[in-house]
Amino acid sequence: MFSERIKYLRESLGINQVEFGHKLNVSKQCISNWENNNIQPSIDMLIKIATTFSVSADFLLGLNDQQTVDVSGLSTNQVLHIQALINDLKESAKA
């Protein structure tokens, strides 16, 4: 599951393996190995990935599908706008 999640995360950000590796200070080969399920990251690297890309380790490991959005530093009004947008997107996905 981790291999699928890490590739999903990278592709959703619109970056290639080299760019993804730069963000984590690892090689393209390391990213490729993760995505091809050849190796697993260390616990320290798992934490770094989760922190860098604002996802939970549970999400990366496939223990849940819930993703979060970091709204720290935003005003209440801005958070409400984001919540309204999320609600609109969920409604349009149902249609």
N, C-alpha and C. Protein backbone atom coordinates (compact mmCIF):
# COMPACT_ATOMS: atom_id res chain seq x y z
N MET A 1 0.83 -1.19 0.00
CA MET A 1 0.00 0.00 0.00
C MET A 1 0.87 1.26 0.00
N PHE A 2 2.01 1.23 0.72
CA PHE A 2 2.86 2.41 0.78
C PHE A 2 3.31 2.81 -0.62
N SER A 3 3.70 1.84 -1.43
CA SER A 3 4.19 2.15 -2.78
C SER A 3 3.14 2.89 -3.59
N GLU A 4 1.89 2.49 -3.47
CA GLU A 4 0.80 3.15 -4.19
C GLU A 4 0.56 4.56 -3.65
N ARG A 5 0.62 4.71 -2.34
CA ARG A 5 0.37 6.01 -1.73
C ARG A 5 1.47 7.01 -2.05
N ILE A 6 2.72 6.57 -2.05
CA ILE A 6 3.81 7.49 -2.30
C ILE A 6 3.77 7.95 -3.75
N LYS A 7 3.42 7.06 -4.66
CA LYS A 7 3.29 7.44 -6.07
C LYS A 7 2.10 8.38 -6.26
N TYR A 8 0.99 8.06 -5.61
CA TYR A 8 -0.20 8.92 -5.67
C TYR A 8 0.13 10.32 -5.18
N LEU A 9 0.82 10.40 -4.07
CA LEU A 9 1.18 11.69 -3.49
C LEU A 9 2.06 12.47 -4.46
N ARG A 10 3.06 11.83 -5.01
CA ARG A 10 3.97 12.49 -5.95
C ARG A 10 3.22 12.99 -7.19
N GLU A 11 2.41 12.12 -7.76
CA GLU A 11 1.67 12.49 -8.97
C GLU A 11 0.65 13.58 -8.70
N SER A 12 0.01 13.55 -7.54
CA SER A 12 -0.98 14.58 -7.23
C SER A 12 -0.33 15.95 -7.06
N LEU A 13 0.95 15.95 -6.70
CA LEU A 13 1.69 17.20 -6.59
C LEU A 13 2.25 17.65 -7.94
N GLY A 14 2.14 16.77 -8.94
CA GLY A 14 2.62 17.09 -10.28
C GLY A 14 4.13 17.18 -10.39
N ILE A 15 4.82 16.36 -9.60
CA ILE A 15 6.28 16.39 -9.64
C ILE A 15 6.82 15.01 -10.02
N ASN A 16 8.02 15.00 -10.59
CA ASN A 16 8.64 13.73 -10.97
C ASN A 16 9.43 13.16 -9.80
N GLN A 17 10.00 11.98 -10.02
CA GLN A 17 10.73 11.31 -8.94
C GLN A 17 11.95 12.11 -8.49
N VAL A 18 12.61 12.77 -9.42
CA VAL A 18 13.79 13.57 -9.07
C VAL A 18 13.39 14.72 -8.15
N GLU A 19 12.32 15.43 -8.52
CA GLU A 19 11.85 16.56 -7.70
C GLU A 19 11.38 16.08 -6.33
N PHE A 20 10.70 14.95 -6.32
CA PHE A 20 10.23 14.37 -5.06
C PHE A 20 11.42 14.03 -4.17
N GLY A 21 12.45 13.43 -4.78
CA GLY A 21 13.65 13.09 -4.05
C GLY A 21 14.36 14.30 -3.47
N HIS A 22 14.39 15.40 -4.26
CA HIS A 22 15.03 16.63 -3.76
C HIS A 22 14.33 17.14 -2.51
N LYS A 23 13.01 17.06 -2.49
CA LYS A 23 12.26 17.53 -1.32
C LYS A 23 12.62 16.73 -0.07
N LEU A 24 12.99 15.45 -0.27
CA LEU A 24 13.28 14.57 0.85
C LEU A 24 14.77 14.32 1.06
N ASN A 25 15.59 14.91 0.19
CA ASN A 25 17.04 14.70 0.22
C ASN A 25 17.41 13.23 0.02
N VAL A 26 16.73 12.59 -0.92
CA VAL A 26 17.06 11.22 -1.32
C VAL A 26 17.17 11.17 -2.84
N SER A 27 17.70 10.09 -3.36
CA SER A 27 17.89 9.96 -4.80
C SER A 27 16.60 9.55 -5.51
N LYS A 28 16.61 9.76 -6.82
CA LYS A 28 15.51 9.30 -7.67
C LYS A 28 15.37 7.78 -7.53
N GLN A 29 16.50 7.10 -7.45
CA GLN A 29 16.50 5.64 -7.31
C GLN A 29 15.78 5.20 -6.04
N CYS A 30 15.96 5.95 -4.98
CA CYS A 30 15.28 5.64 -3.72
C CYS A 30 13.77 5.77 -3.89
N ILE A 31 13.34 6.87 -4.52
CA ILE A 31 11.90 7.06 -4.77
C ILE A 31 11.37 5.93 -5.65
N SER A 32 12.11 5.60 -6.70
CA SER A 32 11.72 4.51 -7.60
C SER A 32 11.59 3.20 -6.84
N ASN A 33 12.54 2.91 -5.97
CA ASN A 33 12.46 1.68 -5.18
C ASN A 33 11.25 1.66 -4.27
N TRP A 34 10.91 2.79 -3.68
CA TRP A 34 9.70 2.85 -2.85
C TRP A 34 8.46 2.60 -3.70
N GLU A 35 8.39 3.28 -4.85
CA GLU A 35 7.20 3.17 -5.70
C GLU A 35 7.05 1.78 -6.30
N ASN A 36 8.15 1.07 -6.49
CA ASN A 36 8.10 -0.29 -7.04
C ASN A 36 8.08 -1.36 -5.96
N ASN A 37 7.95 -0.91 -4.72
CA ASN A 37 7.84 -1.81 -3.57
C ASN A 37 9.07 -2.70 -3.40
N ASN A 38 10.23 -2.17 -3.81
CA ASN A 38 11.48 -2.91 -3.64
C ASN A 38 12.05 -2.75 -2.24
N ILE A 39 11.87 -1.57 -1.67
CA ILE A 39 12.33 -1.29 -0.31
C ILE A 39 11.30 -0.42 0.38
N GLN A 40 11.37 -0.38 1.69
CA GLN A 40 10.50 0.47 2.50
C GLN A 40 11.37 1.53 3.18
N PRO A 41 10.82 2.71 3.40
CA PRO A 41 11.61 3.74 4.08
C PRO A 41 11.77 3.41 5.57
N SER A 42 12.78 4.02 6.15
CA SER A 42 12.96 3.89 7.60
C SER A 42 11.82 4.63 8.30
N ILE A 43 11.67 4.38 9.57
CA ILE A 43 10.64 5.09 10.34
C ILE A 43 10.92 6.58 10.33
N ASP A 44 12.18 6.95 10.47
CA ASP A 44 12.54 8.38 10.42
C ASP A 44 12.15 9.00 9.10
N MET A 45 12.38 8.28 7.97
CA MET A 45 12.02 8.81 6.66
C MET A 45 10.51 8.86 6.49
N LEU A 46 9.80 7.88 7.03
CA LEU A 46 8.33 7.88 6.97
C LEU A 46 7.79 9.14 7.65
N ILE A 47 8.35 9.47 8.78
CA ILE A 47 7.94 10.68 9.51
C ILE A 47 8.27 11.91 8.68
N LYS A 48 9.44 11.93 8.07
CA LYS A 48 9.84 13.07 7.23
C LYS A 48 8.90 13.23 6.04
N ILE A 49 8.53 12.13 5.40
CA ILE A 49 7.60 12.19 4.26
C ILE A 49 6.26 12.74 4.72
N ALA A 50 5.74 12.19 5.81
CA ALA A 50 4.45 12.64 6.33
C ALA A 50 4.48 14.12 6.67
N THR A 51 5.53 14.57 7.32
CA THR A 51 5.65 15.97 7.72
C THR A 51 5.82 16.88 6.51
N THR A 52 6.69 16.49 5.60
CA THR A 52 6.97 17.32 4.42
C THR A 52 5.73 17.53 3.57
N PHE A 53 4.92 16.49 3.42
CA PHE A 53 3.78 16.56 2.52
C PHE A 53 2.43 16.66 3.24
N SER A 54 2.48 16.94 4.53
CA SER A 54 1.26 17.18 5.33
C SER A 54 0.24 16.05 5.20
N VAL A 55 0.72 14.83 5.34
CA VAL A 55 -0.17 13.68 5.39
C VAL A 55 0.20 12.88 6.64
N SER A 56 -0.68 12.00 7.05
CA SER A 56 -0.37 11.19 8.23
C SER A 56 0.39 9.93 7.81
N ALA A 57 1.12 9.37 8.75
CA ALA A 57 1.77 8.09 8.50
C ALA A 57 0.72 7.01 8.25
N ASP A 58 -0.41 7.11 8.91
CA ASP A 58 -1.51 6.16 8.68
C ASP A 58 -1.96 6.21 7.23
N PHE A 59 -2.05 7.41 6.66
CA PHE A 59 -2.43 7.52 5.25
C PHE A 59 -1.37 6.87 4.38
N LEU A 60 -0.09 7.18 4.62
CA LEU A 60 0.98 6.62 3.81
C LEU A 60 1.00 5.09 3.86
N LEU A 61 0.69 4.54 5.02
CA LEU A 61 0.73 3.09 5.20
C LEU A 61 -0.57 2.40 4.79
N GLY A 62 -1.56 3.19 4.39
CA GLY A 62 -2.83 2.62 3.94
C GLY A 62 -3.75 2.20 5.06
N LEU A 63 -3.50 2.71 6.27
CA LEU A 63 -4.36 2.36 7.40
C LEU A 63 -5.66 3.14 7.39
N ASN A 64 -5.66 4.29 6.72
CA ASN A 64 -6.91 5.04 6.50
C ASN A 64 -6.77 5.89 5.25
N ASP A 65 -7.88 6.36 4.76
CA ASP A 65 -7.89 7.18 3.55
C ASP A 65 -8.09 8.65 3.84
N GLN A 66 -8.17 9.00 5.09
CA GLN A 66 -8.43 10.38 5.47
C GLN A 66 -7.19 11.24 5.25
N GLN A 67 -7.39 12.33 4.55
CA GLN A 67 -6.32 13.30 4.36
C GLN A 67 -6.72 14.58 5.08
N THR A 68 -5.75 15.33 5.51
CA THR A 68 -6.01 16.56 6.24
C THR A 68 -5.43 17.74 5.48
N VAL A 69 -5.93 18.91 5.81
CA VAL A 69 -5.42 20.14 5.23
C VAL A 69 -4.94 21.01 6.38
N ASP A 70 -3.70 21.46 6.29
CA ASP A 70 -3.14 22.31 7.34
C ASP A 70 -3.65 23.73 7.14
N VAL A 71 -4.45 24.21 8.05
CA VAL A 71 -5.02 25.55 7.95
C VAL A 71 -4.44 26.48 9.01
N SER A 72 -3.37 26.04 9.65
CA SER A 72 -2.76 26.90 10.67
C SER A 72 -2.30 28.21 10.03
N GLY A 73 -2.51 29.29 10.73
CA GLY A 73 -2.11 30.60 10.24
C GLY A 73 -3.18 31.29 9.41
N LEU A 74 -4.28 30.59 9.12
CA LEU A 74 -5.37 31.20 8.36
C LEU A 74 -6.43 31.74 9.32
N SER A 75 -7.13 32.72 8.85
CA SER A 75 -8.21 33.28 9.67
C SER A 75 -9.41 32.34 9.67
N THR A 76 -10.30 32.54 10.61
CA THR A 76 -11.52 31.74 10.67
C THR A 76 -12.30 31.86 9.37
N ASN A 77 -12.36 33.06 8.83
CA ASN A 77 -13.08 33.29 7.58
C ASN A 77 -12.44 32.50 6.43
N GLN A 78 -11.11 32.48 6.37
CA GLN A 78 -10.42 31.74 5.33
C GLN A 78 -10.67 30.24 5.47
N VAL A 79 -10.66 29.74 6.70
CA VAL A 79 -10.93 28.33 6.94
C VAL A 79 -12.35 27.99 6.51
N LEU A 80 -13.30 28.86 6.79
CA LEU A 80 -14.68 28.63 6.38
C LEU A 80 -14.81 28.59 4.86
N HIS A 81 -14.07 29.42 4.16
CA HIS A 81 -14.06 29.40 2.69
C HIS A 81 -13.52 28.07 2.17
N ILE A 82 -12.45 27.61 2.79
CA ILE A 82 -11.87 26.33 2.38
C ILE A 82 -12.86 25.20 2.64
N GLN A 83 -13.51 25.22 3.78
CA GLN A 83 -14.50 24.19 4.10
C GLN A 83 -15.65 24.21 3.10
N ALA A 84 -16.10 25.40 2.73
CA ALA A 84 -17.18 25.52 1.73
C ALA A 84 -16.74 24.94 0.39
N LEU A 85 -15.51 25.21 0.00
CA LEU A 85 -14.99 24.66 -1.25
C LEU A 85 -14.93 23.14 -1.19
N ILE A 86 -14.46 22.60 -0.09
CA ILE A 86 -14.40 21.15 0.08
C ILE A 86 -15.81 20.54 -0.02
N ASN A 87 -16.76 21.17 0.64
CA ASN A 87 -18.13 20.69 0.60
C ASN A 87 -18.68 20.71 -0.83
N ASP A 88 -18.40 21.79 -1.56
CA ASP A 88 -18.85 21.90 -2.95
C ASP A 88 -18.22 20.79 -3.81
N LEU A 89 -16.93 20.52 -3.61
CA LEU A 89 -16.26 19.48 -4.38
C LEU A 89 -16.83 18.09 -4.06
N LYS A 90 -17.14 17.86 -2.80
CA LYS A 90 -17.74 16.58 -2.43
C LYS A 90 -19.11 16.41 -3.08
N GLU A 91 -19.90 17.47 -3.09
CA GLU A 91 -21.23 17.42 -3.70
C GLU A 91 -21.12 17.18 -5.21
N SER A 92 -20.20 17.85 -5.87
CA SER A 92 -20.06 17.66 -7.32
C SER A 92 -19.54 16.28 -7.65
N ALA A 93 -18.78 15.67 -6.74
CA ALA A 93 -18.28 14.31 -6.96
C ALA A 93 -19.40 13.29 -6.90
N LYS A 94 -20.45 13.60 -6.13
CA LYS A 94 -21.58 12.69 -6.00
C LYS A 94 -22.43 12.70 -7.27
N ALA A 95 -22.43 13.81 -7.96
CA ALA A 95 -23.29 13.96 -9.15
C ALA A 95 -22.80 13.17 -10.33
